[in-house]
C-alpha atoms as a PDB file:
ATOM      1  CA  UNK A   1      -4.536  11.069  -2.361  1.00  0.00           C
ATOM      2  CA  UNK A   2      -1.755  13.535  -3.015  1.00  0.00           C
ATOM      3  CA  UNK A   3       1.995  13.300  -2.582  1.00  0.00           C
ATOM      4  CA  UNK A   4       3.221  12.581   0.931  1.00  0.00           C
ATOM      5  CA  UNK A   5      -0.201  11.722   2.355  1.00  0.00           C
ATOM      6  CA  UNK A   6      -0.172   8.335   4.032  1.00  0.00           C
ATOM      7  CA  UNK A   7      -2.965   5.827   3.628  1.00  0.00           C
ATOM      8  CA  UNK A   8      -3.592   5.360   7.334  1.00  0.00           C
ATOM      9  CA  UNK A   9      -7.130   4.006   7.423  1.00  0.00           C
ATOM     10  CA  UNK A  10      -7.180   0.404   8.584  1.00  0.00           C
ATOM     11  CA  UNK A  11      -9.653  -1.726   6.658  1.00  0.00           C
ATOM     12  CA  UNK A  12     -10.283  -5.433   6.461  1.00  0.00           C
ATOM     13  CA  UNK A  13      -8.993  -6.983   3.264  1.00  0.00           C
ATOM     14  CA  UNK A  14      -8.634 -10.530   2.045  1.00  0.00           C
ATOM     15  CA  UNK A  15      -5.876  -9.448  -0.332  1.00  0.00           C
ATOM     16  CA  UNK A  16      -3.722  -6.360  -0.861  1.00  0.00           C
ATOM     17  CA  UNK A  17      -1.461  -6.014  -3.903  1.00  0.00           C
ATOM     18  CA  UNK A  18       1.190  -3.406  -4.715  1.00  0.00           C
ATOM     19  CA  UNK A  19       2.611  -2.506  -8.106  1.00  0.00           C
ATOM     20  CA  UNK A  20       2.513  -0.519 -11.300  1.00  0.00           C
ATOM     21  CA  UNK A  21      -0.361  -0.454 -13.760  1.00  0.00           C
ATOM     22  CA  UNK A  22       0.050   0.721 -17.323  1.00  0.00           C
ATOM     23  CA  UNK A  23      -2.086   1.832 -20.212  1.00  0.00           C
ATOM     24  CA  UNK A  24      -1.800  -0.772 -22.948  1.00  0.00           C
ATOM     25  CA  UNK A  25      -1.991   0.213 -26.610  1.00  0.00           C
ATOM     26  CA  UNK A  26      -2.266  -2.732 -28.999  1.00  0.00           C
ATOM     27  CA  UNK A  27      -2.336  -2.874 -32.774  1.00  0.00           C
ATOM     28  CA  UNK A  28      -5.582  -4.457 -34.047  1.00  0.00           C
ATOM     29  CA  UNK A  29      -6.021  -7.222 -36.602  1.00  0.00           C
ATOM     30  CA  UNK A  30      -2.477  -8.602 -36.256  1.00  0.00           C
ATOM     31  CA  UNK A  31      -0.954  -5.421 -37.664  1.00  0.00           C
ATOM     32  CA  UNK A  32       2.632  -4.446 -36.971  1.00  0.00           C
ATOM     33  CA  UNK A  33       2.878  -1.401 -34.737  1.00  0.00           C
ATOM     34  CA  UNK A  34       4.562   0.631 -37.452  1.00  0.00           C
ATOM     35  CA  UNK A  35       1.718  -0.012 -39.897  1.00  0.00           C
ATOM     36  CA  UNK A  36      -1.189   0.609 -37.504  1.00  0.00           C
ATOM     37  CA  UNK A  37      -3.297   3.777 -37.818  1.00  0.00           C
ATOM     38  CA  UNK A  38      -5.272   3.128 -34.630  1.00  0.00           C
ATOM     39  CA  UNK A  39      -4.634   1.339 -31.338  1.00  0.00           C
ATOM     40  CA  UNK A  40      -6.884  -0.491 -28.880  1.00  0.00           C
ATOM     41  CA  UNK A  41      -6.689   0.718 -25.261  1.00  0.00           C
ATOM     42  CA  UNK A  42      -6.659  -1.491 -22.181  1.00  0.00           C
ATOM     43  CA  UNK A  43      -5.393  -1.067 -18.622  1.00  0.00           C
ATOM     44  CA  UNK A  44      -3.317  -3.654 -16.814  1.00  0.00           C
ATOM     45  CA  UNK A  45      -0.335  -4.476 -14.677  1.00  0.00           C
ATOM     46  CA  UNK A  46       0.732  -7.599 -12.815  1.00  0.00           C
ATOM     47  CA  UNK A  47      -0.485  -6.808  -9.323  1.00  0.00           C
ATOM     48  CA  UNK A  48      -3.593  -4.953 -10.475  1.00  0.00           C
ATOM     49  CA  UNK A  49      -4.492  -7.912 -12.680  1.00  0.00           C
ATOM     50  CA  UNK A  50      -4.221 -10.159  -9.606  1.00  0.00           C
ATOM     51  CA  UNK A  51      -6.436  -7.869  -7.526  1.00  0.00           C
ATOM     52  CA  UNK A  52      -9.094  -7.671 -10.251  1.00  0.00           C
ATOM     53  CA  UNK A  53      -9.218 -11.432 -10.822  1.00  0.00           C
ATOM     54  CA  UNK A  54      -9.305 -12.189  -7.087  1.00  0.00           C
ATOM     55  CA  UNK A  55     -12.034  -9.587  -6.546  1.00  0.00           C
ATOM     56  CA  UNK A  56     -14.139 -11.248  -9.218  1.00  0.00           C
ATOM     57  CA  UNK A  57     -13.617 -14.581  -7.427  1.00  0.00           C
ATOM     58  CA  UNK A  58     -15.194 -13.068  -4.311  1.00  0.00           C
ATOM     59  CA  UNK A  59     -12.254 -11.778  -2.283  1.00  0.00           C
ATOM     60  CA  UNK A  60     -12.202  -8.242  -0.874  1.00  0.00           C
ATOM     61  CA  UNK A  61      -9.139  -6.709  -2.535  1.00  0.00           C
ATOM     62  CA  UNK A  62      -7.169  -3.469  -2.434  1.00  0.00           C
ATOM     63  CA  UNK A  63      -4.503  -2.286  -4.846  1.00  0.00           C
ATOM     64  CA  UNK A  64      -1.735   0.132  -3.874  1.00  0.00           C
ATOM     65  CA  UNK A  65       0.181   2.196  -6.393  1.00  0.00           C
ATOM     66  CA  UNK A  66       1.055   5.736  -7.456  1.00  0.00           C
ATOM     67  CA  UNK A  67      -0.512   7.353 -10.503  1.00  0.00           C
ATOM     68  CA  UNK A  68      -0.044  10.721 -12.166  1.00  0.00           C
ATOM     69  CA  UNK A  69      -2.696  13.273 -11.287  1.00  0.00           C
ATOM     70  CA  UNK A  70      -4.044  13.527 -14.811  1.00  0.00           C
ATOM     71  CA  UNK A  71      -6.557  11.906 -17.142  1.00  0.00           C
ATOM     72  CA  UNK A  72      -4.445   8.802 -17.802  1.00  0.00           C
ATOM     73  CA  UNK A  73      -3.905   8.193 -14.106  1.00  0.00           C
ATOM     74  CA  UNK A  74      -7.617   8.590 -13.470  1.00  0.00           C
ATOM     75  CA  UNK A  75      -8.362   6.164 -16.328  1.00  0.00           C
ATOM     76  CA  UNK A  76      -6.259   3.473 -14.632  1.00  0.00           C
ATOM     77  CA  UNK A  77      -7.839   4.105 -11.243  1.00  0.00           C
ATOM     78  CA  UNK A  78     -11.341   4.095 -12.717  1.00  0.00           C
ATOM     79  CA  UNK A  79     -10.772   0.716 -14.379  1.00  0.00           C
ATOM     80  CA  UNK A  80      -9.715  -0.790 -11.055  1.00  0.00           C
ATOM     81  CA  UNK A  81     -12.628   0.792  -9.225  1.00  0.00           C
ATOM     82  CA  UNK A  82     -15.094  -0.502 -11.823  1.00  0.00           C
ATOM     83  CA  UNK A  83     -14.028  -4.029 -10.923  1.00  0.00           C
ATOM     84  CA  UNK A  84     -14.724  -3.419  -7.236  1.00  0.00           C
ATOM     85  CA  UNK A  85     -11.075  -3.172  -6.183  1.00  0.00           C
ATOM     86  CA  UNK A  86     -10.453  -0.739  -3.299  1.00  0.00           C
ATOM     87  CA  UNK A  87      -8.290   2.114  -4.616  1.00  0.00           C
ATOM     88  CA  UNK A  88      -8.444   4.323  -1.530  1.00  0.00           C
ATOM     89  CA  UNK A  89      -4.700   3.804  -0.926  1.00  0.00           C
ATOM     90  CA  UNK A  90      -3.642   4.838  -4.442  1.00  0.00           C
ATOM     91  CA  UNK A  91      -1.451   7.945  -4.431  1.00  0.00           C
ATOM     92  CA  UNK A  92      -2.152  10.614  -7.056  1.00  0.00           C
ATOM     93  CA  UNK A  93       1.120  12.367  -7.687  1.00  0.00           C
ATOM     94  CA  UNK A  94       2.389  15.494  -9.448  1.00  0.00           C
ATOM     95  CA  UNK A  95       5.648  13.611  -9.991  1.00  0.00           C
ATOM     96  CA  UNK A  96       6.246  11.216 -12.844  1.00  0.00           C
ATOM     97  CA  UNK A  97       4.037  10.005 -15.648  1.00  0.00           C
ATOM     98  CA  UNK A  98       1.702   7.214 -16.629  1.00  0.00           C
ATOM     99  CA  UNK A  99       3.546   4.142 -17.884  1.00  0.00           C
ATOM    100  CA  UNK A 100       2.539   2.780 -21.276  1.00  0.00           C
ATOM    101  CA  UNK A 101       3.173  -0.391 -23.172  1.00  0.00           C
ATOM    102  CA  UNK A 102       2.558  -1.261 -26.787  1.00  0.00           C
ATOM    103  CA  UNK A 103       1.542  -4.762 -27.839  1.00  0.00           C
ATOM    104  CA  UNK A 104       1.886  -6.303 -31.277  1.00  0.00           C
ATOM    105  CA  UNK A 105       0.092  -9.623 -31.739  1.00  0.00           C
ATOM    106  CA  UNK A 106       2.018 -12.180 -33.760  1.00  0.00           C
ATOM    107  CA  UNK A 107       1.068 -15.395 -35.515  1.00  0.00           C
ATOM    108  CA  UNK A 108       3.298 -18.381 -36.246  1.00  0.00           C
ATOM    109  CA  UNK A 109       6.124 -18.083 -37.037  1.00  0.00           C
ATOM    110  CA  UNK A 110       6.126 -14.416 -35.863  1.00  0.00           C
ATOM    111  CA  UNK A 111       6.004 -14.045 -32.081  1.00  0.00           C
ATOM    112  CA  UNK A 112       4.007 -11.364 -30.297  1.00  0.00           C
ATOM    113  CA  UNK A 113       6.084  -8.429 -29.088  1.00  0.00           C
ATOM    114  CA  UNK A 114       5.890  -5.842 -26.296  1.00  0.00           C
ATOM    115  CA  UNK A 115       7.396  -2.357 -26.337  1.00  0.00           C
ATOM    116  CA  UNK A 116       7.580  -0.584 -22.948  1.00  0.00           C
ATOM    117  CA  UNK A 117       7.394   3.181 -22.400  1.00  0.00           C
ATOM    118  CA  UNK A 118       7.375   3.391 -18.611  1.00  0.00           C
ATOM    119  CA  UNK A 119      10.523   5.224 -17.481  1.00  0.00           C
ATOM    120  CA  UNK A 120       9.939   7.731 -14.658  1.00  0.00           C
ATOM    121  CA  UNK A 121       6.430   6.475 -13.989  1.00  0.00           C
ATOM    122  CA  UNK A 122       4.827   7.857 -10.843  1.00  0.00           C
ATOM    123  CA  UNK A 123       5.108   4.569  -8.970  1.00  0.00           C
ATOM    124  CA  UNK A 124       8.846   4.377  -9.716  1.00  0.00           C
ATOM    125  CA  UNK A 125       9.323   7.750  -7.997  1.00  0.00           C
ATOM    126  CA  UNK A 126       7.299   7.066  -4.854  1.00  0.00           C
ATOM    127  CA  UNK A 127       9.001   6.823  -1.469  1.00  0.00           C
ATOM    128  CA  UNK A 128       8.474   3.883   0.924  1.00  0.00           C
ATOM    129  CA  UNK A 129       7.124   6.348   3.509  1.00  0.00           C
ATOM    130  CA  UNK A 130       4.351   7.484   1.150  1.00  0.00           C
ATOM    131  CA  UNK A 131       2.240   4.555   2.383  1.00  0.00           C
ATOM    132  CA  UNK A 132       1.515   3.591   5.980  1.00  0.00           C
ATOM    133  CA  UNK A 133       2.177  -0.083   5.354  1.00  0.00           C
ATOM    134  CA  UNK A 134       1.462  -1.169   8.926  1.00  0.00           C
ATOM    135  CA  UNK A 135      -1.983   0.405   8.794  1.00  0.00           C
ATOM    136  CA  UNK A 136      -2.811  -1.116   5.415  1.00  0.00           C
ATOM    137  CA  UNK A 137      -1.738  -4.601   6.534  1.00  0.00           C
ATOM    138  CA  UNK A 138      -3.331  -4.387   9.986  1.00  0.00           C
ATOM    139  CA  UNK A 139      -6.362  -6.503   9.101  1.00  0.00           C
ATOM    140  CA  UNK A 140      -5.237  -8.029   5.810  1.00  0.00           C
ATOM    141  CA  UNK A 141      -5.174 -11.781   5.199  1.00  0.00           C
ATOM    142  CA  UNK A 142      -2.799 -11.893   2.208  1.00  0.00           C
ATOM    143  CA  UNK A 143      -0.343  -9.622   0.405  1.00  0.00           C
ATOM    144  CA  UNK A 144       0.927 -10.061  -3.149  1.00  0.00           C
ATOM    145  CA  UNK A 145       3.660  -8.386  -5.158  1.00  0.00           C
ATOM    146  CA  UNK A 146       5.802  -9.398  -8.122  1.00  0.00           C
ATOM    147  CA  UNK A 147       9.407  -9.056  -9.195  1.00  0.00           C
ATOM    148  CA  UNK A 148       8.364  -6.417 -11.709  1.00  0.00           C
ATOM    149  CA  UNK A 149       7.789  -3.823  -8.975  1.00  0.00           C
ATOM    150  CA  UNK A 150      11.293  -3.712  -7.428  1.00  0.00           C
ATOM    151  CA  UNK A 151      12.738  -3.746 -10.949  1.00  0.00           C
ATOM    152  CA  UNK A 152      11.216  -0.338 -11.701  1.00  0.00           C
ATOM    153  CA  UNK A 153      13.613   1.733  -9.561  1.00  0.00           C
ATOM    154  CA  UNK A 154      15.554   1.788  -6.299  1.00  0.00           C
ATOM    155  CA  UNK A 155      12.606   3.665  -4.766  1.00  0.00           C
ATOM    156  CA  UNK A 156      10.152   0.996  -5.856  1.00  0.00           C
ATOM    157  CA  UNK A 157      12.494  -1.711  -4.542  1.00  0.00           C
ATOM    158  CA  UNK A 158      12.684   0.006  -1.153  1.00  0.00           C
ATOM    159  CA  UNK A 159       8.888   0.350  -1.055  1.00  0.00           C
ATOM    160  CA  UNK A 160       8.497  -3.328  -1.952  1.00  0.00           C
ATOM    161  CA  UNK A 161      10.780  -4.348   0.897  1.00  0.00           C
ATOM    162  CA  UNK A 162       8.875  -2.159   3.380  1.00  0.00           C
ATOM    163  CA  UNK A 163       5.581  -3.658   2.232  1.00  0.00           C
ATOM    164  CA  UNK A 164       6.913  -7.213   2.573  1.00  0.00           C
ATOM    165  CA  UNK A 165       8.224  -6.529   6.063  1.00  0.00           C
ATOM    166  CA  UNK A 166       4.925  -5.021   7.191  1.00  0.00           C
ATOM    167  CA  UNK A 167       2.894  -7.874   5.707  1.00  0.00           C
ATOM    168  CA  UNK A 168       5.078 -10.481   7.391  1.00  0.00           C
ATOM    169  CA  UNK A 169       4.959  -8.658  10.721  1.00  0.00           C
ATOM    170  CA  UNK A 170       1.161  -8.497  10.591  1.00  0.00           C
ATOM    171  CA  UNK A 171       0.871 -12.219   9.838  1.00  0.00           C
ATOM    172  CA  UNK A 172      -0.351 -11.972   6.253  1.00  0.00           C
ATOM    173  CA  UNK A 173       0.091 -14.813   3.800  1.00  0.00           C
ATOM    174  CA  UNK A 174       2.816 -13.250   1.634  1.00  0.00           C
ATOM    175  CA  UNK A 175       2.803 -14.214  -2.040  1.00  0.00           C
ATOM    176  CA  UNK A 176       5.536 -13.236  -4.524  1.00  0.00           C
ATOM    177  CA  UNK A 177       5.534 -13.828  -8.279  1.00  0.00           C
ATOM    178  CA  UNK A 178       9.164 -13.784  -9.435  1.00  0.00           C
ATOM    179  CA  UNK A 179       8.125 -12.575 -12.915  1.00  0.00           C
ATOM    180  CA  UNK A 180      11.604 -11.771 -14.285  1.00  0.00           C
ATOM    181  CA  UNK A 181      11.666  -9.160 -17.074  1.00  0.00           C
ATOM    182  CA  UNK A 182      14.965  -8.882 -18.939  1.00  0.00           C
ATOM    183  CA  UNK A 183      13.936  -5.497 -20.358  1.00  0.00           C
ATOM    184  CA  UNK A 184      13.873  -4.048 -16.829  1.00  0.00           C
ATOM    185  CA  UNK A 185      17.061  -5.393 -15.252  1.00  0.00           C
ATOM    186  CA  UNK A 186      19.839  -7.956 -15.501  1.00  0.00           C
ATOM    187  CA  UNK A 187      19.809 -11.321 -13.778  1.00  0.00           C
ATOM    188  CA  UNK A 188      22.566 -10.148 -11.405  1.00  0.00           C
ATOM    189  CA  UNK A 189      20.576  -7.058 -10.448  1.00  0.00           C
ATOM    190  CA  UNK A 190      17.447  -9.135  -9.940  1.00  0.00           C
ATOM    191  CA  UNK A 191      19.278 -11.657  -7.750  1.00  0.00           C
ATOM    192  CA  UNK A 192      21.005  -9.037  -5.601  1.00  0.00           C
ATOM    193  CA  UNK A 193      17.810  -7.089  -4.986  1.00  0.00           C
ATOM    194  CA  UNK A 194      15.334  -9.921  -4.476  1.00  0.00           C
ATOM    195  CA  UNK A 195      17.324 -12.494  -2.506  1.00  0.00           C
ATOM    196  CA  UNK A 196      17.052 -10.517   0.778  1.00  0.00           C
ATOM    197  CA  UNK A 197      13.307 -10.139   0.198  1.00  0.00           C
ATOM    198  CA  UNK A 198      12.681 -13.879   0.115  1.00  0.00           C
ATOM    199  CA  UNK A 199      12.890 -14.207   3.901  1.00  0.00           C
ATOM    200  CA  UNK A 200       9.518 -12.455   4.091  1.00  0.00           C
ATOM    201  CA  UNK A 201       7.802 -14.615   1.447  1.00  0.00           C
ATOM    202  CA  UNK A 202       5.520 -17.563   2.222  1.00  0.00           C
ATOM    203  CA  UNK A 203       4.413 -18.465  -1.314  1.00  0.00           C
ATOM    204  CA  UNK A 204       6.699 -18.161  -4.325  1.00  0.00           C
ATOM    205  CA  UNK A 205       5.077 -18.336  -7.756  1.00  0.00           C
ATOM    206  CA  UNK A 206       7.390 -18.665 -10.727  1.00  0.00           C
ATOM    207  CA  UNK A 207       8.476 -20.566 -13.796  1.00  0.00           C
ATOM    208  CA  UNK A 208      11.444 -22.910 -13.844  1.00  0.00           C
ATOM    209  CA  UNK A 209      13.097 -20.610 -16.379  1.00  0.00           C
ATOM    210  CA  UNK A 210      12.832 -17.531 -14.149  1.00  0.00           C
ATOM    211  CA  UNK A 211      14.108 -19.265 -11.016  1.00  0.00           C
ATOM    212  CA  UNK A 212      17.118 -20.487 -12.972  1.00  0.00           C
ATOM    213  CA  UNK A 213      17.884 -17.005 -14.269  1.00  0.00           C
ATOM    214  CA  UNK A 214      17.363 -15.126 -11.006  1.00  0.00           C
ATOM    215  CA  UNK A 215      18.521 -17.582  -8.331  1.00  0.00           C
ATOM    216  CA  UNK A 216      20.608 -19.985 -10.381  1.00  0.00           C
ATOM    217  CA  UNK A 217      18.557 -22.904  -9.060  1.00  0.00           C
ATOM    218  CA  UNK A 218      17.774 -25.758 -11.430  1.00  0.00           C
ATOM    219  CA  UNK A 219      16.774 -29.360 -10.902  1.00  0.00           C
ATOM    220  CA  UNK A 220      16.512 -32.354 -13.183  1.00  0.00           C
ATOM    221  CA  UNK A 221      12.784 -31.573 -13.424  1.00  0.00           C
ATOM    222  CA  UNK A 222      10.193 -29.060 -12.237  1.00  0.00           C
ATOM    223  CA  UNK A 223       9.508 -30.995  -9.065  1.00  0.00           C
ATOM    224  CA  UNK A 224      13.148 -30.978  -7.989  1.00  0.00           C
ATOM    225  CA  UNK A 225      13.429 -27.268  -8.767  1.00  0.00           C
ATOM    226  CA  UNK A 226      10.446 -26.553  -6.508  1.00  0.00           C
ATOM    227  CA  UNK A 227      12.010 -28.593  -3.718  1.00  0.00           C
ATOM    228  CA  UNK A 228      15.328 -26.760  -4.042  1.00  0.00           C
ATOM    229  CA  UNK A 229      13.579 -23.385  -3.848  1.00  0.00           C
ATOM    230  CA  UNK A 230      11.681 -24.466  -0.759  1.00  0.00           C
ATOM    231  CA  UNK A 231      14.746 -25.770   1.074  1.00  0.00           C
ATOM    232  CA  UNK A 232      16.966 -22.835   0.065  1.00  0.00           C
ATOM    233  CA  UNK A 233      14.622 -20.035   1.097  1.00  0.00           C
ATOM    234  CA  UNK A 234      12.243 -21.713   3.536  1.00  0.00           C
ATOM    235  CA  UNK A 235       9.080 -21.022   1.527  1.00  0.00           C
ATOM    236  CA  UNK A 236       5.910 -22.621   2.812  1.00  0.00           C
ATOM    237  CA  UNK A 237       4.780 -23.233  -0.748  1.00  0.00           C
ATOM    238  CA  UNK A 238       6.317 -23.050  -4.221  1.00  0.00           C
ATOM    239  CA  UNK A 239       4.103 -23.011  -7.315  1.00  0.00           C
ATOM    240  CA  UNK A 240       5.567 -23.393 -10.799  1.00  0.00           C
ATOM    241  CA  UNK A 241       3.495 -22.667 -13.888  1.00  0.00           C
ATOM    242  CA  UNK A 242       4.153 -24.708 -17.015  1.00  0.00           C
ATOM    243  CA  UNK A 243       3.326 -23.461 -20.501  1.00  0.00           C
ATOM    244  CA  UNK A 244       3.725 -25.576 -23.625  1.00  0.00           C
ATOM    245  CA  UNK A 245       3.918 -23.728 -26.939  1.00  0.00           C
ATOM    246  CA  UNK A 246       2.182 -25.606 -29.739  1.00  0.00           C
ATOM    247  CA  UNK A 247       1.902 -22.407 -31.780  1.00  0.00           C
ATOM    248  CA  UNK A 248       1.525 -18.679 -31.083  1.00  0.00           C
ATOM    249  CA  UNK A 249      -2.226 -19.151 -30.620  1.00  0.00           C
ATOM    250  CA  UNK A 250      -2.384 -22.675 -29.222  1.00  0.00           C
ATOM    251  CA  UNK A 251      -0.734 -23.610 -25.929  1.00  0.00           C
ATOM    252  CA  UNK A 252      -0.970 -26.101 -23.112  1.00  0.00           C
ATOM    253  CA  UNK A 253      -1.149 -24.815 -19.563  1.00  0.00           C
ATOM    254  CA  UNK A 254      -0.727 -26.467 -16.170  1.00  0.00           C
ATOM    255  CA  UNK A 255       1.082 -25.964 -12.872  1.00  0.00           C
ATOM    256  CA  UNK A 256       2.499 -27.843  -9.901  1.00  0.00           C
ATOM    257  CA  UNK A 257       2.818 -26.890  -6.250  1.00  0.00           C
ATOM    258  CA  UNK A 258       5.215 -28.091  -3.561  1.00  0.00           C
ATOM    259  CA  UNK A 259       4.207 -27.560   0.063  1.00  0.00           C
ATOM    260  CA  UNK A 260       5.277 -29.175   3.345  1.00  0.00           C
ATOM    261  CA  UNK A 261       7.232 -31.813   1.459  1.00  0.00           C
ATOM    262  CA  UNK A 262       4.254 -32.819  -0.681  1.00  0.00           C
ATOM    263  CA  UNK A 263       3.924 -32.373  -4.435  1.00  0.00           C
ATOM    264  CA  UNK A 264       0.570 -31.380  -5.950  1.00  0.00           C
ATOM    265  CA  UNK A 265      -0.370 -31.730  -9.618  1.00  0.00           C
ATOM    266  CA  UNK A 266      -3.389 -30.697 -11.621  1.00  0.00           C
ATOM    267  CA  UNK A 267      -4.765 -31.336 -15.097  1.00  0.00           C
ATOM    268  CA  UNK A 268      -3.274 -29.855 -18.251  1.00  0.00           C
ATOM    269  CA  UNK A 269      -5.491 -27.485 -20.242  1.00  0.00           C
ATOM    270  CA  UNK A 270      -5.290 -27.040 -24.001  1.00  0.00           C
ATOM    271  CA  UNK A 271      -5.987 -23.363 -24.624  1.00  0.00           C
ATOM    272  CA  UNK A 272      -6.909 -21.474 -27.771  1.00  0.00           C
ATOM    273  CA  UNK A 273      -5.423 -18.053 -27.201  1.00  0.00           C
ATOM    274  CA  UNK A 274      -7.316 -14.827 -27.663  1.00  0.00           C
ATOM    275  CA  UNK A 275      -4.915 -12.893 -25.404  1.00  0.00           C
ATOM    276  CA  UNK A 276      -2.327 -14.555 -23.158  1.00  0.00           C
ATOM    277  CA  UNK A 277      -1.288 -11.387 -21.306  1.00  0.00           C
ATOM    278  CA  UNK A 278      -2.175 -11.716 -17.625  1.00  0.00           C
ATOM    279  CA  UNK A 279      -2.508 -15.510 -17.544  1.00  0.00           C
ATOM    280  CA  UNK A 280       0.206 -15.829 -14.893  1.00  0.00           C
ATOM    281  CA  UNK A 281      -1.467 -13.119 -12.834  1.00  0.00           C
ATOM    282  CA  UNK A 282      -4.738 -15.032 -13.043  1.00  0.00           C
ATOM    283  CA  UNK A 283      -2.954 -18.116 -11.745  1.00  0.00           C
ATOM    284  CA  UNK A 284      -1.703 -16.089  -8.763  1.00  0.00           C
ATOM    285  CA  UNK A 285      -5.211 -14.785  -8.059  1.00  0.00           C
ATOM    286  CA  UNK A 286      -6.817 -18.223  -8.218  1.00  0.00           C
ATOM    287  CA  UNK A 287      -4.037 -19.790  -6.188  1.00  0.00           C
ATOM    288  CA  UNK A 288      -4.391 -17.195  -3.437  1.00  0.00           C
ATOM    289  CA  UNK A 289      -8.166 -17.591  -3.483  1.00  0.00           C
ATOM    290  CA  UNK A 290      -7.917 -21.360  -3.101  1.00  0.00           C
ATOM    291  CA  UNK A 291      -5.321 -21.185  -0.340  1.00  0.00           C
ATOM    292  CA  UNK A 292      -7.328 -18.628   1.658  1.00  0.00           C
ATOM    293  CA  UNK A 293     -10.592 -20.509   1.258  1.00  0.00           C
ATOM    294  CA  UNK A 294      -9.243 -24.049   1.686  1.00  0.00           C
ATOM    295  CA  UNK A 295      -5.734 -25.353   0.973  1.00  0.00           C
ATOM    296  CA  UNK A 296      -2.876 -25.659  -1.526  1.00  0.00           C
ATOM    297  CA  UNK A 297      -4.643 -28.349  -3.547  1.00  0.00           C
ATOM    298  CA  UNK A 298      -7.630 -26.091  -4.128  1.00  0.00           C
ATOM    299  CA  UNK A 299      -5.298 -23.184  -4.822  1.00  0.00           C
ATOM    300  CA  UNK A 300      -3.627 -25.143  -7.605  1.00  0.00           C
ATOM    301  CA  UNK A 301      -6.954 -26.189  -9.152  1.00  0.00           C
ATOM    302  CA  UNK A 302      -8.456 -22.713  -9.064  1.00  0.00           C
ATOM    303  CA  UNK A 303      -5.280 -20.960 -10.179  1.00  0.00           C
ATOM    304  CA  UNK A 304      -4.844 -23.366 -13.058  1.00  0.00           C
ATOM    305  CA  UNK A 305      -8.455 -23.026 -14.243  1.00  0.00           C
ATOM    306  CA  UNK A 306      -8.549 -19.240 -13.876  1.00  0.00           C
ATOM    307  CA  UNK A 307      -5.330 -18.918 -15.895  1.00  0.00           C
ATOM    308  CA  UNK A 308      -6.690 -21.198 -18.613  1.00  0.00           C
ATOM    309  CA  UNK A 309      -9.806 -19.042 -18.911  1.00  0.00           C
ATOM    310  CA  UNK A 310      -7.771 -15.833 -19.111  1.00  0.00           C
ATOM    311  CA  UNK A 311      -6.292 -16.953 -22.436  1.00  0.00           C
ATOM    312  CA  UNK A 312      -9.778 -16.595 -23.960  1.00  0.00           C
ATOM    313  CA  UNK A 313     -10.388 -12.976 -22.877  1.00  0.00           C
ATOM    314  CA  UNK A 314      -9.074  -9.807 -24.592  1.00  0.00           C
ATOM    315  CA  UNK A 315      -7.136  -7.336 -22.462  1.00  0.00           C
ATOM    316  CA  UNK A 316      -5.075  -7.725 -19.306  1.00  0.00           C
ATOM    317  CA  UNK A 317      -7.980  -8.221 -16.899  1.00  0.00           C
ATOM    318  CA  UNK A 318      -9.656 -11.586 -16.378  1.00  0.00           C
ATOM    319  CA  UNK A 319     -13.433 -11.131 -16.617  1.00  0.00           C
ATOM    320  CA  UNK A 320     -14.192 -14.701 -15.496  1.00  0.00           C
ATOM    321  CA  UNK A 321     -16.481 -15.465 -12.569  1.00  0.00           C
ATOM    322  CA  UNK A 322     -16.139 -17.961  -9.738  1.00  0.00           C
ATOM    323  CA  UNK A 323     -18.951 -20.067 -11.190  1.00  0.00           C
ATOM    324  CA  UNK A 324     -17.155 -20.282 -14.556  1.00  0.00           C
ATOM    325  CA  UNK A 325     -13.951 -21.390 -12.844  1.00  0.00           C
ATOM    326  CA  UNK A 326     -15.770 -24.058 -10.874  1.00  0.00           C
ATOM    327  CA  UNK A 327     -17.614 -25.235 -13.988  1.00  0.00           C
ATOM    328  CA  UNK A 328     -14.295 -25.657 -15.807  1.00  0.00           C
ATOM    329  CA  UNK A 329     -12.810 -27.566 -12.872  1.00  0.00           C
ATOM    330  CA  UNK A 330     -15.881 -29.813 -12.915  1.00  0.00           C
ATOM    331  CA  UNK A 331     -15.351 -30.619 -16.594  1.00  0.00           C
ATOM    332  CA  UNK A 332     -17.542 -28.137 -18.460  1.00  0.00           C
ATOM    333  CA  UNK A 333     -17.290 -28.522 -22.225  1.00  0.00           C
ATOM    334  CA  UNK A 334     -17.123 -25.964 -25.022  1.00  0.00           C
ATOM    335  CA  UNK A 335     -20.692 -26.310 -26.322  1.00  0.00           C
ATOM    336  CA  UNK A 336     -22.617 -23.050 -26.326  1.00  0.00           C
ATOM    337  CA  UNK A 337     -24.273 -22.268 -22.986  1.00  0.00           C
ATOM    338  CA  UNK A 338     -28.003 -21.533 -23.505  1.00  0.00           C
END
């Protein structure tokens, strides 16, 4: 759709997400960006990654964003469409540009690094009224957005707030990944902008580090931090992901969830990393899937397993299937599958 045209068609969705997607350019073979003479191309972005992973789990998903009306914008939209995600509400705009990011893979002791080139992206210039949020959320079960989206611009923040309000009003399960990015805004800016939004959020997904930076809430352990978040903001559920760094390419991964005064734990996965980008988004997708299909316990199991699998897949998208997730939960080993 073009500028100023509202997405007014009401459709039934299990999950709607809203946010920016970027074209990713990564240096191959562990090269530094400045030494590379070619770059690998992928498409990804927090909320699009969630929609893709959830769609592959079997949910009916839509992604809302604004893209430039050019070849790069069409590339992003095509990648989402190829995964089965509904892109009928994506706005194609003459304003702004396609955001890019450059990725340099490290190896111990050199960390991986990201370089953003996303200023004045089309989604950062969109107006809240560009989308008919009430119509989109009319028959939607869940809505997801992350703290990256309001960090893009005041326009994007206003659109995020309108989307949250509409989702809450329509009775959606509202999920929010705090996802603090220091390269986008300060902790004070993040706190001032996002605190009023929390009244519309049912499920907060975060790390203990991010909640401390943004909300200044810390406990003696992860469990206490989750409880403080729940009591402070009235969330139905708080999920905290926990990554342990053994080396750049070997991590541990697990998560906890706190809901209705009860703490849920799941197993810890040891992961050999092919590409860790998008692991948190995969957790969000699996968690939402589990909560919609059963309960918080299942959400934690499926989110945890889906995130663990994402570490093994190149690119931002998680190409895992529901059967692979369930096999991992059931204790599948690493022997070759014949």
